């Protein structure tokens, strides 16, 4: 067996595909990190420049333009407030027109306690007999916007007429403008 005094040089390994992919992905990672930070800095600088430009354009407005803008904003607020009021307003007139069309010709209502937002009314009235009172009750029950009808008080008056109180509940949003 021969002993060699001079060691042989290690053979150079050819670059394998695995080594190539490792270094390639490492380079891509470094490029992505550098790209992220450079885009972050560019975005920050762009925001600062945009803010400066907006401040300059705001300063260039004349006092007349600013006063006109404030006046326009004030009118816009008034219009919005008025439209909110109109949208929320419910018309008693519409309700009483409907009540008039639903009232029997021989029924006389002497007192009405209307709570249009809650959707109910208490009607006190007088009629000649129980048959007419029953007809009035049925007229209310058959109407589609009326939810419930309750005859809460019935009595015979001094002159022999029927005195009554009817509680009627209806859909509250029915009578909006």
Foldseek 3Di string as FASTA:
>chain_A
DDDDDDDDDDDDDDDDPVNVVVVVVVVVVVVVVVVVVVVVVVVVVVVVVVVVVVVVVVVPDDPVRVVVVVVVVVVVVVVVVVVVCQQPDFDPVVVVVVVVVLQDPQKAWDDWDDDLQQFKIKTKTKGADVVNVVVSQVSLVPDPQWDDKDWDDWDQDPVRIIITMMMIGGDSVPGRD
